[in-house]
Amino acid sequence: MDFILIVKKIPYQKLNINYKYELNRQMLINYRELKIVDAEKIRKWRNNQIKILRQNEKIKKKDQVKYFKEYILLKSSKLDLFAIDLNQKLVGYAGLVNISNYFKTAEVSFLINEKFKHNKEI
């Protein structure tokens, strides 16, 4: 299911990330910029959850690295993504995609490690 976020009368600004939230003494959630080292974990998650994503085939390692270098690390104007860490381990990523400055719209997107939903050790 796709969710669409409509922003009215508010100019789009890049997300301010690097937030830290301590839920309790044992859980620290951190939002940070995505790094090239995150690419492989995200590729595996996307390939494992292909049924819920808008991709038709599994992503190859070289294609994921290329996408990261061309769109995510260069701060594409069409997307603004960030990493989600739990206790300093990457557990997902989220952000805005298909950003339209003209229409002032964007889609909210997120993907979490599929093991996380089963309460397994990540």
PDB file of N, CA and C in Angstrom:
ATOM      1  N   MET A   1       0.840  -1.163   0.000  1.00  0.00           N
ATOM      2  CA  MET A   1       0.000   0.000   0.000  1.00  0.00           C
ATOM      3  C   MET A   1       0.895   1.239   0.000  1.00  0.00           C
ATOM      4  N   ASP A   2       0.605   2.206  -0.839  1.00  0.00           N
ATOM      5  CA  ASP A   2       1.361   3.453  -0.906  1.00  0.00           C
ATOM      6  C   ASP A   2       0.642   4.529  -0.127  1.00  0.00           C
ATOM      7  N   PHE A   3       1.420   5.339   0.563  1.00  0.00           N
ATOM      8  CA  PHE A   3       0.883   6.480   1.271  1.00  0.00           C
ATOM      9  C   PHE A   3       1.427   7.734   0.614  1.00  0.00           C
ATOM     10  N   ILE A   4       0.599   8.735   0.438  1.00  0.00           N
ATOM     11  CA  ILE A   4       1.031   9.980  -0.188  1.00  0.00           C
ATOM     12  C   ILE A   4       0.900  11.096   0.824  1.00  0.00           C
ATOM     13  N   LEU A   5       1.984  11.857   1.000  1.00  0.00           N
ATOM     14  CA  LEU A   5       2.001  12.994   1.902  1.00  0.00           C
ATOM     15  C   LEU A   5       1.852  14.251   1.062  1.00  0.00           C
ATOM     16  N   ILE A   6       0.853  15.051   1.338  1.00  0.00           N
ATOM     17  CA  ILE A   6       0.647  16.285   0.597  1.00  0.00           C
ATOM     18  C   ILE A   6       0.992  17.452   1.514  1.00  0.00           C
ATOM     19  N   VAL A   7       1.920  18.257   1.071  1.00  0.00           N
ATOM     20  CA  VAL A   7       2.362  19.407   1.850  1.00  0.00           C
ATOM     21  C   VAL A   7       1.826  20.659   1.183  1.00  0.00           C
ATOM     22  N   LYS A   8       1.067  21.472   1.921  1.00  0.00           N
ATOM     23  CA  LYS A   8       0.499  22.686   1.354  1.00  0.00           C
ATOM     24  C   LYS A   8       1.074  23.908   2.047  1.00  0.00           C
ATOM     25  N   LYS A   9       1.458  24.900   1.258  1.00  0.00           N
ATOM     26  CA  LYS A   9       1.933  26.195   1.739  1.00  0.00           C
ATOM     27  C   LYS A   9       3.159  26.087   2.641  1.00  0.00           C
ATOM     28  N   ILE A  10       3.881  25.003   2.545  1.00  0.00           N
ATOM     29  CA  ILE A  10       5.115  24.847   3.306  1.00  0.00           C
ATOM     30  C   ILE A  10       6.209  24.467   2.313  1.00  0.00           C
ATOM     31  N   PRO A  11       7.210  25.309   2.118  1.00  0.00           N
ATOM     32  CA  PRO A  11       8.268  24.956   1.173  1.00  0.00           C
ATOM     33  C   PRO A  11       9.034  23.720   1.655  1.00  0.00           C
ATOM     34  N   TYR A  12       9.337  22.837   0.723  1.00  0.00           N
ATOM     35  CA  TYR A  12      10.065  21.623   1.073  1.00  0.00           C
ATOM     36  C   TYR A  12      11.468  21.975   1.538  1.00  0.00           C
ATOM     37  N   GLN A  13      11.899  21.355   2.618  1.00  0.00           N
ATOM     38  CA  GLN A  13      13.260  21.491   3.112  1.00  0.00           C
ATOM     39  C   GLN A  13      13.803  20.095   3.359  1.00  0.00           C
ATOM     40  N   LYS A  14      15.100  19.929   3.159  1.00  0.00           N
ATOM     41  CA  LYS A  14      15.720  18.636   3.435  1.00  0.00           C
ATOM     42  C   LYS A  14      15.463  18.249   4.884  1.00  0.00           C
ATOM     43  N   LEU A  15      15.302  16.958   5.123  1.00  0.00           N
ATOM     44  CA  LEU A  15      15.071  16.472   6.478  1.00  0.00           C
ATOM     45  C   LEU A  15      16.305  16.716   7.337  1.00  0.00           C
ATOM     46  N   ASN A  16      16.094  17.169   8.544  1.00  0.00           N
ATOM     47  CA  ASN A  16      17.177  17.330   9.498  1.00  0.00           C
ATOM     48  C   ASN A  16      17.279  16.034  10.280  1.00  0.00           C
ATOM     49  N   ILE A  17      18.333  15.264   9.997  1.00  0.00           N
ATOM     50  CA  ILE A  17      18.434  13.967  10.657  1.00  0.00           C
ATOM     51  C   ILE A  17      19.502  14.011  11.741  1.00  0.00           C
ATOM     52  N   ASN A  18      19.934  12.871  12.193  1.00  0.00           N
ATOM     53  CA  ASN A  18      20.852  12.699  13.310  1.00  0.00           C
ATOM     54  C   ASN A  18      20.155  12.976  14.629  1.00  0.00           C
ATOM     55  N   TYR A  19      18.944  12.475  14.774  1.00  0.00           N
ATOM     56  CA  TYR A  19      18.209  12.513  16.031  1.00  0.00           C
ATOM     57  C   TYR A  19      18.516  11.240  16.805  1.00  0.00           C
ATOM     58  N   LYS A  20      18.485  11.350  18.127  1.00  0.00           N
ATOM     59  CA  LYS A  20      18.627  10.174  18.978  1.00  0.00           C
ATOM     60  C   LYS A  20      17.494  10.178  19.987  1.00  0.00           C
ATOM     61  N   TYR A  21      16.840   9.038  20.131  1.00  0.00           N
ATOM     62  CA  TYR A  21      15.766   8.880  21.085  1.00  0.00           C
ATOM     63  C   TYR A  21      16.083   7.678  21.970  1.00  0.00           C
ATOM     64  N   GLU A  22      16.037   7.869  23.272  1.00  0.00           N
ATOM     65  CA  GLU A  22      16.233   6.750  24.182  1.00  0.00           C
ATOM     66  C   GLU A  22      14.868   6.318  24.683  1.00  0.00           C
ATOM     67  N   LEU A  23      14.420   5.142  24.238  1.00  0.00           N
ATOM     68  CA  LEU A  23      13.107   4.650  24.626  1.00  0.00           C
ATOM     69  C   LEU A  23      13.131   4.111  26.051  1.00  0.00           C
ATOM     70  N   ASN A  24      14.184   3.447  26.389  1.00  0.00           N
ATOM     71  CA  ASN A  24      14.438   3.002  27.754  1.00  0.00           C
ATOM     72  C   ASN A  24      15.933   2.753  27.847  1.00  0.00           C
ATOM     73  N   ARG A  25      16.385   2.221  28.925  1.00  0.00           N
ATOM     74  CA  ARG A  25      17.839   2.038  29.099  1.00  0.00           C
ATOM     75  C   ARG A  25      18.439   1.047  28.121  1.00  0.00           C
ATOM     76  N   GLN A  26      17.606   0.235  27.508  1.00  0.00           N
ATOM     77  CA  GLN A  26      18.118  -0.801  26.617  1.00  0.00           C
ATOM     78  C   GLN A  26      17.860  -0.509  25.141  1.00  0.00           C
ATOM     79  N   MET A  27      17.120   0.550  24.821  1.00  0.00           N
ATOM     80  CA  MET A  27      16.781   0.824  23.420  1.00  0.00           C
ATOM     81  C   MET A  27      17.095   2.267  23.062  1.00  0.00           C
ATOM     82  N   LEU A  28      18.019   2.435  22.138  1.00  0.00           N
ATOM     83  CA  LEU A  28      18.371   3.760  21.641  1.00  0.00           C
ATOM     84  C   LEU A  28      18.129   3.784  20.135  1.00  0.00           C
ATOM     85  N   ILE A  29      17.214   4.645  19.687  1.00  0.00           N
ATOM     86  CA  ILE A  29      16.936   4.785  18.261  1.00  0.00           C
ATOM     87  C   ILE A  29      17.665   6.019  17.752  1.00  0.00           C
ATOM     88  N   ASN A  30      18.361   5.860  16.636  1.00  0.00           N
ATOM     89  CA  ASN A  30      19.122   6.945  16.043  1.00  0.00           C
ATOM     90  C   ASN A  30      18.751   7.058  14.568  1.00  0.00           C
ATOM     91  N   TYR A  31      18.510   8.273  14.100  1.00  0.00           N
ATOM     92  CA  TYR A  31      18.273   8.550  12.684  1.00  0.00           C
ATOM     93  C   TYR A  31      19.517   9.248  12.163  1.00  0.00           C
ATOM     94  N   ARG A  32      20.066   8.756  11.056  1.00  0.00           N
ATOM     95  CA  ARG A  32      21.308   9.310  10.515  1.00  0.00           C
ATOM     96  C   ARG A  32      21.306   9.225   8.996  1.00  0.00           C
ATOM     97  N   GLU A  33      22.290   9.848   8.389  1.00  0.00           N
ATOM     98  CA  GLU A  33      22.434   9.767   6.937  1.00  0.00           C
ATOM     99  C   GLU A  33      22.793   8.344   6.528  1.00  0.00           C
ATOM    100  N   LEU A  34      22.306   7.937   5.374  1.00  0.00           N
ATOM    101  CA  LEU A  34      22.682   6.631   4.833  1.00  0.00           C
ATOM    102  C   LEU A  34      24.126   6.688   4.347  1.00  0.00           C
ATOM    103  N   LYS A  35      24.819   5.573   4.472  1.00  0.00           N
ATOM    104  CA  LYS A  35      26.206   5.450   4.033  1.00  0.00           C
ATOM    105  C   LYS A  35      26.312   4.301   3.039  1.00  0.00           C
ATOM    106  N   ILE A  36      27.381   4.291   2.273  1.00  0.00           N
ATOM    107  CA  ILE A  36      27.578   3.237   1.281  1.00  0.00           C
ATOM    108  C   ILE A  36      27.623   1.859   1.953  1.00  0.00           C
ATOM    109  N   VAL A  37      28.090   1.773   3.193  1.00  0.00           N
ATOM    110  CA  VAL A  37      28.150   0.471   3.893  1.00  0.00           C
ATOM    111  C   VAL A  37      26.749  -0.065   4.206  1.00  0.00           C
ATOM    112  N   ASP A  38      25.725   0.793   4.146  1.00  0.00           N
ATOM    113  CA  ASP A  38      24.345   0.359   4.382  1.00  0.00           C
ATOM    114  C   ASP A  38      23.721  -0.296   3.149  1.00  0.00           C
ATOM    115  N   ALA A  39      24.322  -0.095   2.005  1.00  0.00           N
ATOM    116  CA  ALA A  39      23.724  -0.512   0.729  1.00  0.00           C
ATOM    117  C   ALA A  39      23.425  -2.007   0.673  1.00  0.00           C
ATOM    118  N   GLU A  40      24.350  -2.835   1.126  1.00  0.00           N
ATOM    119  CA  GLU A  40      24.160  -4.280   0.996  1.00  0.00           C
ATOM    120  C   GLU A  40      23.037  -4.791   1.901  1.00  0.00           C
ATOM    121  N   LYS A  41      22.966  -4.313   3.133  1.00  0.00           N
ATOM    122  CA  LYS A  41      21.863  -4.738   4.009  1.00  0.00           C
ATOM    123  C   LYS A  41      20.524  -4.334   3.408  1.00  0.00           C
ATOM    124  N   ILE A  42      20.450  -3.118   2.920  1.00  0.00           N
ATOM    125  CA  ILE A  42      19.196  -2.627   2.336  1.00  0.00           C
ATOM    126  C   ILE A  42      18.832  -3.424   1.090  1.00  0.00           C
ATOM    127  N   ARG A  43      19.820  -3.762   0.276  1.00  0.00           N
ATOM    128  CA  ARG A  43      19.568  -4.580  -0.919  1.00  0.00           C
ATOM    129  C   ARG A  43      18.955  -5.920  -0.519  1.00  0.00           C
ATOM    130  N   LYS A  44      19.518  -6.555   0.496  1.00  0.00           N
ATOM    131  CA  LYS A  44      18.994  -7.853   0.946  1.00  0.00           C
ATOM    132  C   LYS A  44      17.571  -7.711   1.475  1.00  0.00           C
ATOM    133  N   TRP A  45      17.309  -6.674   2.255  1.00  0.00           N
ATOM    134  CA  TRP A  45      15.957  -6.455   2.778  1.00  0.00           C
ATOM    135  C   TRP A  45      14.974  -6.253   1.639  1.00  0.00           C
ATOM    136  N   ARG A  46      15.371  -5.434   0.651  1.00  0.00           N
ATOM    137  CA  ARG A  46      14.476  -5.169  -0.487  1.00  0.00           C
ATOM    138  C   ARG A  46      14.201  -6.457  -1.258  1.00  0.00           C
ATOM    139  N   ASN A  47      15.223  -7.253  -1.471  1.00  0.00           N
ATOM    140  CA  ASN A  47      15.035  -8.504  -2.207  1.00  0.00           C
ATOM    141  C   ASN A  47      14.188  -9.497  -1.416  1.00  0.00           C
ATOM    142  N   ASN A  48      14.320  -9.510  -0.105  1.00  0.00           N
ATOM    143  CA  ASN A  48      13.526 -10.417   0.737  1.00  0.00           C
ATOM    144  C   ASN A  48      12.073  -9.971   0.871  1.00  0.00           C
ATOM    145  N   GLN A  49      11.817  -8.694   0.636  1.00  0.00           N
ATOM    146  CA  GLN A  49      10.462  -8.155   0.800  1.00  0.00           C
ATOM    147  C   GLN A  49       9.911  -7.623  -0.529  1.00  0.00           C
ATOM    148  N   ILE A  50      10.336  -8.231  -1.613  1.00  0.00           N
ATOM    149  CA  ILE A  50      10.003  -7.754  -2.954  1.00  0.00           C
ATOM    150  C   ILE A  50       8.485  -7.682  -3.194  1.00  0.00           C
ATOM    151  N   LYS A  51       7.708  -8.513  -2.511  1.00  0.00           N
ATOM    152  CA  LYS A  51       6.251  -8.534  -2.712  1.00  0.00           C
ATOM    153  C   LYS A  51       5.581  -7.224  -2.320  1.00  0.00           C
ATOM    154  N   ILE A  52       6.162  -6.497  -1.376  1.00  0.00           N
ATOM    155  CA  ILE A  52       5.528  -5.265  -0.896  1.00  0.00           C
ATOM    156  C   ILE A  52       6.144  -4.013  -1.502  1.00  0.00           C
ATOM    157  N   LEU A  53       7.111  -4.175  -2.395  1.00  0.00           N
ATOM    158  CA  LEU A  53       7.817  -3.027  -2.976  1.00  0.00           C
ATOM    159  C   LEU A  53       7.484  -2.870  -4.453  1.00  0.00           C
ATOM    160  N   ARG A  54       7.822  -1.706  -4.975  1.00  0.00           N
ATOM    161  CA  ARG A  54       7.604  -1.449  -6.406  1.00  0.00           C
ATOM    162  C   ARG A  54       8.854  -1.806  -7.191  1.00  0.00           C
ATOM    163  N   GLN A  55       9.270  -3.050  -7.083  1.00  0.00           N
ATOM    164  CA  GLN A  55      10.372  -3.543  -7.904  1.00  0.00           C
ATOM    165  C   GLN A  55       9.960  -4.898  -8.441  1.00  0.00           C
ATOM    166  N   ASN A  56      10.355  -5.167  -9.669  1.00  0.00           N
ATOM    167  CA  ASN A  56       9.916  -6.386 -10.339  1.00  0.00           C
ATOM    168  C   ASN A  56      10.899  -7.537 -10.235  1.00  0.00           C
ATOM    169  N   GLU A  57      12.150  -7.217  -9.958  1.00  0.00           N
ATOM    170  CA  GLU A  57      13.154  -8.267  -9.893  1.00  0.00           C
ATOM    171  C   GLU A  57      14.152  -7.961  -8.786  1.00  0.00           C
ATOM    172  N   LYS A  58      14.902  -8.981  -8.413  1.00  0.00           N
ATOM    173  CA  LYS A  58      15.893  -8.811  -7.352  1.00  0.00           C
ATOM    174  C   LYS A  58      16.987  -7.844  -7.797  1.00  0.00           C
ATOM    175  N   ILE A  59      17.462  -7.064  -6.842  1.00  0.00           N
ATOM    176  CA  ILE A  59      18.503  -6.074  -7.116  1.00  0.00           C
ATOM    177  C   ILE A  59      19.861  -6.755  -7.002  1.00  0.00           C
ATOM    178  N   LYS A  60      20.733  -6.511  -7.986  1.00  0.00           N
ATOM    179  CA  LYS A  60      22.096  -7.038  -7.956  1.00  0.00           C
ATOM    180  C   LYS A  60      22.979  -6.092  -7.151  1.00  0.00           C
ATOM    181  N   LYS A  61      24.051  -6.641  -6.583  1.00  0.00           N
ATOM    182  CA  LYS A  61      24.965  -5.835  -5.756  1.00  0.00           C
ATOM    183  C   LYS A  61      25.463  -4.610  -6.508  1.00  0.00           C
ATOM    184  N   LYS A  62      25.924  -4.811  -7.736  1.00  0.00           N
ATOM    185  CA  LYS A  62      26.493  -3.685  -8.492  1.00  0.00           C
ATOM    186  C   LYS A  62      25.439  -2.613  -8.782  1.00  0.00           C
ATOM    187  N   ASP A  63      24.194  -3.021  -9.008  1.00  0.00           N
ATOM    188  CA  ASP A  63      23.128  -2.053  -9.261  1.00  0.00           C
ATOM    189  C   ASP A  63      22.783  -1.264  -7.996  1.00  0.00           C
ATOM    190  N   GLN A  64      22.820  -1.926  -6.848  1.00  0.00           N
ATOM    191  CA  GLN A  64      22.539  -1.240  -5.591  1.00  0.00           C
ATOM    192  C   GLN A  64      23.618  -0.199  -5.287  1.00  0.00           C
ATOM    193  N   VAL A  65      24.866  -0.564  -5.472  1.00  0.00           N
ATOM    194  CA  VAL A  65      25.968   0.368  -5.231  1.00  0.00           C
ATOM    195  C   VAL A  65      25.864   1.560  -6.180  1.00  0.00           C
ATOM    196  N   LYS A  66      25.564   1.293  -7.440  1.00  0.00           N
ATOM    197  CA  LYS A  66      25.406   2.366  -8.426  1.00  0.00           C
ATOM    198  C   LYS A  66      24.270   3.309  -8.020  1.00  0.00           C
ATOM    199  N   TYR A  67      23.133   2.757  -7.593  1.00  0.00           N
ATOM    200  CA  TYR A  67      21.989   3.569  -7.180  1.00  0.00           C
ATOM    201  C   TYR A  67      22.353   4.431  -5.969  1.00  0.00           C
ATOM    202  N   PHE A  68      23.027   3.825  -5.005  1.00  0.00           N
ATOM    203  CA  PHE A  68      23.451   4.586  -3.822  1.00  0.00           C
ATOM    204  C   PHE A  68      24.346   5.749  -4.225  1.00  0.00           C
ATOM    205  N   LYS A  69      25.312   5.472  -5.075  1.00  0.00           N
ATOM    206  CA  LYS A  69      26.266   6.521  -5.469  1.00  0.00           C
ATOM    207  C   LYS A  69      25.594   7.624  -6.280  1.00  0.00           C
ATOM    208  N   GLU A  70      24.664   7.254  -7.156  1.00  0.00           N
ATOM    209  CA  GLU A  70      24.051   8.240  -8.050  1.00  0.00           C
ATOM    210  C   GLU A  70      22.886   9.002  -7.432  1.00  0.00           C
ATOM    211  N   TYR A  71      22.158   8.381  -6.513  1.00  0.00           N
ATOM    212  CA  TYR A  71      20.946   9.019  -6.003  1.00  0.00           C
ATOM    213  C   TYR A  71      20.966   9.310  -4.504  1.00  0.00           C
ATOM    214  N   ILE A  72      21.394   8.361  -3.717  1.00  0.00           N
ATOM    215  CA  ILE A  72      21.298   8.539  -2.265  1.00  0.00           C
ATOM    216  C   ILE A  72      22.458   9.367  -1.724  1.00  0.00           C
ATOM    217  N   LEU A  73      23.668   9.030  -2.081  1.00  0.00           N
ATOM    218  CA  LEU A  73      24.826   9.749  -1.542  1.00  0.00           C
ATOM    219  C   LEU A  73      24.984  11.139  -2.132  1.00  0.00           C
ATOM    220  N   LEU A  74      24.464  11.360  -3.336  1.00  0.00           N
ATOM    221  CA  LEU A  74      24.558  12.681  -3.971  1.00  0.00           C
ATOM    222  C   LEU A  74      23.371  13.576  -3.653  1.00  0.00           C
ATOM    223  N   LYS A  75      22.493  13.098  -2.796  1.00  0.00           N
ATOM    224  CA  LYS A  75      21.342  13.898  -2.358  1.00  0.00           C
ATOM    225  C   LYS A  75      20.455  14.307  -3.533  1.00  0.00           C
ATOM    226  N   SER A  76      19.899  13.323  -4.185  1.00  0.00           N
ATOM    227  CA  SER A  76      18.973  13.564  -5.297  1.00  0.00           C
ATOM    228  C   SER A  76      17.825  14.461  -4.848  1.00  0.00           C
ATOM    229  N   SER A  77      17.366  15.303  -5.743  1.00  0.00           N
ATOM    230  CA  SER A  77      16.260  16.193  -5.410  1.00  0.00           C
ATOM    231  C   SER A  77      14.922  15.453  -5.388  1.00  0.00           C
ATOM    232  N   LYS A  78      14.895  14.205  -5.864  1.00  0.00           N
ATOM    233  CA  LYS A  78      13.652  13.422  -5.913  1.00  0.00           C
ATOM    234  C   LYS A  78      13.456  12.541  -4.683  1.00  0.00           C
ATOM    235  N   LEU A  79      14.477  12.452  -3.818  1.00  0.00           N
ATOM    236  CA  LEU A  79      14.325  11.645  -2.617  1.00  0.00           C
ATOM    237  C   LEU A  79      15.194  12.179  -1.491  1.00  0.00           C
ATOM    238  N   ASP A  80      14.779  11.881  -0.283  1.00  0.00           N
ATOM    239  CA  ASP A  80      15.484  12.315   0.920  1.00  0.00           C
ATOM    240  C   ASP A  80      15.324  11.201   1.951  1.00  0.00           C
ATOM    241  N   LEU A  81      16.323  10.314   2.012  1.00  0.00           N
ATOM    242  CA  LEU A  81      16.243   9.122   2.846  1.00  0.00           C
ATOM    243  C   LEU A  81      17.232   9.176   3.997  1.00  0.00           C
ATOM    244  N   PHE A  82      16.921   8.458   5.066  1.00  0.00           N
ATOM    245  CA  PHE A  82      17.828   8.387   6.207  1.00  0.00           C
ATOM    246  C   PHE A  82      17.787   6.980   6.798  1.00  0.00           C
ATOM    247  N   ALA A  83      18.843   6.636   7.533  1.00  0.00           N
ATOM    248  CA  ALA A  83      18.962   5.328   8.178  1.00  0.00           C
ATOM    249  C   ALA A  83      18.280   5.363   9.536  1.00  0.00           C
ATOM    250  N   ILE A  84      17.796   4.195   9.963  1.00  0.00           N
ATOM    251  CA  ILE A  84      17.230   4.026  11.295  1.00  0.00           C
ATOM    252  C   ILE A  84      18.065   2.971  12.003  1.00  0.00           C
ATOM    253  N   ASP A  85      18.734   3.369  13.073  1.00  0.00           N
ATOM    254  CA  ASP A  85      19.544   2.457  13.876  1.00  0.00           C
ATOM    255  C   ASP A  85      18.848   2.180  15.196  1.00  0.00           C
ATOM    256  N   LEU A  86      18.942   0.958  15.651  1.00  0.00           N
ATOM    257  CA  LEU A  86      18.480   0.588  16.983  1.00  0.00           C
ATOM    258  C   LEU A  86      19.701   0.043  17.714  1.00  0.00           C
ATOM    259  N   ASN A  87      20.073   0.694  18.796  1.00  0.00           N
ATOM    260  CA  ASN A  87      21.271   0.312  19.554  1.00  0.00           C
ATOM    261  C   ASN A  87      22.485   0.178  18.635  1.00  0.00           C
ATOM    262  N   GLN A  88      22.656   1.151  17.773  1.00  0.00           N
ATOM    263  CA  GLN A  88      23.787   1.286  16.854  1.00  0.00           C
ATOM    264  C   GLN A  88      23.842   0.208  15.773  1.00  0.00           C
ATOM    265  N   LYS A  89      22.704  -0.469  15.514  1.00  0.00           N
ATOM    266  CA  LYS A  89      22.615  -1.429  14.410  1.00  0.00           C
ATOM    267  C   LYS A  89      21.553  -0.938  13.441  1.00  0.00           C
ATOM    268  N   LEU A  90      21.882  -0.971  12.159  1.00  0.00           N
ATOM    269  CA  LEU A  90      20.920  -0.571  11.135  1.00  0.00           C
ATOM    270  C   LEU A  90      19.740  -1.540  11.135  1.00  0.00           C
ATOM    271  N   VAL A  91      18.522  -1.003  11.304  1.00  0.00           N
ATOM    272  CA  VAL A  91      17.322  -1.853  11.288  1.00  0.00           C
ATOM    273  C   VAL A  91      16.340  -1.434  10.201  1.00  0.00           C
ATOM    274  N   GLY A  92      16.614  -0.309   9.529  1.00  0.00           N
ATOM    275  CA  GLY A  92      15.716   0.132   8.474  1.00  0.00           C
ATOM    276  C   GLY A  92      16.130   1.462   7.903  1.00  0.00           C
ATOM    277  N   TYR A  93      15.329   1.934   6.966  1.00  0.00           N
ATOM    278  CA  TYR A  93      15.536   3.273   6.425  1.00  0.00           C
ATOM    279  C   TYR A  93      14.189   3.854   6.031  1.00  0.00           C
ATOM    280  N   ALA A  94      14.146   5.175   5.952  1.00  0.00           N
ATOM    281  CA  ALA A  94      12.882   5.854   5.671  1.00  0.00           C
ATOM    282  C   ALA A  94      13.173   7.225   5.080  1.00  0.00           C
ATOM    283  N   GLY A  95      12.097   7.887   4.662  1.00  0.00           N
ATOM    284  CA  GLY A  95      12.232   9.243   4.160  1.00  0.00           C
ATOM    285  C   GLY A  95      11.154   9.594   3.158  1.00  0.00           C
ATOM    286  N   LEU A  96      11.446  10.600   2.379  1.00  0.00           N
ATOM    287  CA  LEU A  96      10.526  11.075   1.353  1.00  0.00           C
ATOM    288  C   LEU A  96      11.068  10.700  -0.014  1.00  0.00           C
ATOM    289  N   VAL A  97      10.184  10.229  -0.899  1.00  0.00           N
ATOM    290  CA  VAL A  97      10.555   9.880  -2.272  1.00  0.00           C
ATOM    291  C   VAL A  97       9.577  10.545  -3.232  1.00  0.00           C
ATOM    292  N   ASN A  98       9.927  10.557  -4.487  1.00  0.00           N
ATOM    293  CA  ASN A  98       9.109  11.205  -5.525  1.00  0.00           C
ATOM    294  C   ASN A  98       8.712  12.622  -5.106  1.00  0.00           C
ATOM    295  N   ILE A  99       9.708  13.354  -4.632  1.00  0.00           N
ATOM    296  CA  ILE A  99       9.486  14.723  -4.183  1.00  0.00           C
ATOM    297  C   ILE A  99       9.240  15.614  -5.392  1.00  0.00           C
ATOM    298  N   SER A 100       8.192  16.391  -5.325  1.00  0.00           N
ATOM    299  CA  SER A 100       7.882  17.368  -6.369  1.00  0.00           C
ATOM    300  C   SER A 100       7.844  18.754  -5.735  1.00  0.00           C
ATOM    301  N   ASN A 101       8.861  19.532  -6.015  1.00  0.00           N
ATOM    302  CA  ASN A 101       8.865  20.907  -5.522  1.00  0.00           C
ATOM    303  C   ASN A 101       7.779  21.723  -6.216  1.00  0.00           C
ATOM    304  N   TYR A 102       7.464  21.376  -7.450  1.00  0.00           N
ATOM    305  CA  TYR A 102       6.440  22.100  -8.201  1.00  0.00           C
ATOM    306  C   TYR A 102       5.064  21.907  -7.565  1.00  0.00           C
ATOM    307  N   PHE A 103       4.703  20.632  -7.313  1.00  0.00           N
ATOM    308  CA  PHE A 103       3.390  20.333  -6.740  1.00  0.00           C
ATOM    309  C   PHE A 103       3.390  20.351  -5.211  1.00  0.00           C
ATOM    310  N   LYS A 104       4.581  20.454  -4.615  1.00  0.00           N
ATOM    311  CA  LYS A 104       4.723  20.451  -3.152  1.00  0.00           C
ATOM    312  C   LYS A 104       4.202  19.146  -2.552  1.00  0.00           C
ATOM    313  N   THR A 105       4.572  18.026  -3.176  1.00  0.00           N
ATOM    314  CA  THR A 105       4.145  16.714  -2.698  1.00  0.00           C
ATOM    315  C   THR A 105       5.346  15.783  -2.585  1.00  0.00           C
ATOM    316  N   ALA A 106       5.155  14.727  -1.833  1.00  0.00           N
ATOM    317  CA  ALA A 106       6.156  13.665  -1.709  1.00  0.00           C
ATOM    318  C   ALA A 106       5.454  12.429  -1.166  1.00  0.00           C
ATOM    319  N   GLU A 107       6.091  11.284  -1.346  1.00  0.00           N
ATOM    320  CA  GLU A 107       5.588  10.041  -0.783  1.00  0.00           C
ATOM    321  C   GLU A 107       6.461   9.663   0.404  1.00  0.00           C
ATOM    322  N   VAL A 108       5.841   9.188   1.463  1.00  0.00           N
ATOM    323  CA  VAL A 108       6.573   8.684   2.613  1.00  0.00           C
ATOM    324  C   VAL A 108       6.925   7.230   2.334  1.00  0.00           C
ATOM    325  N   SER A 109       8.178   6.891   2.556  1.00  0.00           N
ATOM    326  CA  SER A 109       8.638   5.536   2.275  1.00  0.00           C
ATOM    327  C   SER A 109       9.461   5.036   3.456  1.00  0.00           C
ATOM    328  N   PHE A 110       9.309   3.761   3.782  1.00  0.00           N
ATOM    329  CA  PHE A 110      10.172   3.173   4.805  1.00  0.00           C
ATOM    330  C   PHE A 110      10.250   1.665   4.595  1.00  0.00           C
ATOM    331  N   LEU A 111      11.334   1.100   5.055  1.00  0.00           N
ATOM    332  CA  LEU A 111      11.517  -0.346   5.007  1.00  0.00           C
ATOM    333  C   LEU A 111      12.307  -0.750   6.244  1.00  0.00           C
ATOM    334  N   ILE A 112      11.812  -1.746   6.942  1.00  0.00           N
ATOM    335  CA  ILE A 112      12.437  -2.240   8.160  1.00  0.00           C
ATOM    336  C   ILE A 112      12.902  -3.671   7.929  1.00  0.00           C
ATOM    337  N   ASN A 113      14.022  -4.026   8.526  1.00  0.00           N
ATOM    338  CA  ASN A 113      14.532  -5.388   8.464  1.00  0.00           C
ATOM    339  C   ASN A 113      13.392  -6.364   8.768  1.00  0.00           C
ATOM    340  N   GLU A 114      13.174  -7.327   7.893  1.00  0.00           N
ATOM    341  CA  GLU A 114      12.037  -8.238   8.049  1.00  0.00           C
ATOM    342  C   GLU A 114      12.140  -9.083   9.316  1.00  0.00           C
ATOM    343  N   LYS A 115      13.317  -9.286   9.861  1.00  0.00           N
ATOM    344  CA  LYS A 115      13.464 -10.052  11.103  1.00  0.00           C
ATOM    345  C   LYS A 115      12.944  -9.270  12.298  1.00  0.00           C
ATOM    346  N   PHE A 116      12.946  -7.970  12.203  1.00  0.00           N
ATOM    347  CA  PHE A 116      12.513  -7.108  13.303  1.00  0.00           C
ATOM    348  C   PHE A 116      11.057  -7.361  13.660  1.00  0.00           C
ATOM    349  N   LYS A 117      10.218  -7.607  12.675  1.00  0.00           N
ATOM    350  CA  LYS A 117       8.791  -7.806  12.938  1.00  0.00           C
ATOM    351  C   LYS A 117       8.511  -9.136  13.625  1.00  0.00           C
ATOM    352  N   HIS A 118       9.444 -10.045  13.601  1.00  0.00           N
ATOM    353  CA  HIS A 118       9.253 -11.359  14.218  1.00  0.00           C
ATOM    354  C   HIS A 118       9.888 -11.433  15.604  1.00  0.00           C
ATOM    355  N   ASN A 119      10.309 -10.288  16.137  1.00  0.00           N
ATOM    356  CA  ASN A 119      10.938 -10.220  17.464  1.00  0.00           C
ATOM    357  C   ASN A 119      12.156 -11.127  17.580  1.00  0.00           C
ATOM    358  N   LYS A 120      12.879 -11.279  16.504  1.00  0.00           N
ATOM    359  CA  LYS A 120      14.109 -12.058  16.531  1.00  0.00           C
ATOM    360  C   LYS A 120      15.282 -11.123  16.762  1.00  0.00           C
ATOM    361  N   GLU A 121      16.393 -11.709  17.134  1.00  0.00           N
ATOM    362  CA  GLU A 121      17.609 -10.916  17.313  1.00  0.00           C
ATOM    363  C   GLU A 121      18.037 -10.368  15.961  1.00  0.00           C
ATOM    364  N   ILE A 122      18.363  -9.105  15.929  1.00  0.00           N
ATOM    365  CA  ILE A 122      18.757  -8.466  14.666  1.00  0.00           C
ATOM    366  C   ILE A 122      20.258  -8.493  14.524  1.00  0.00           C
TER     367      ILE A 122
END
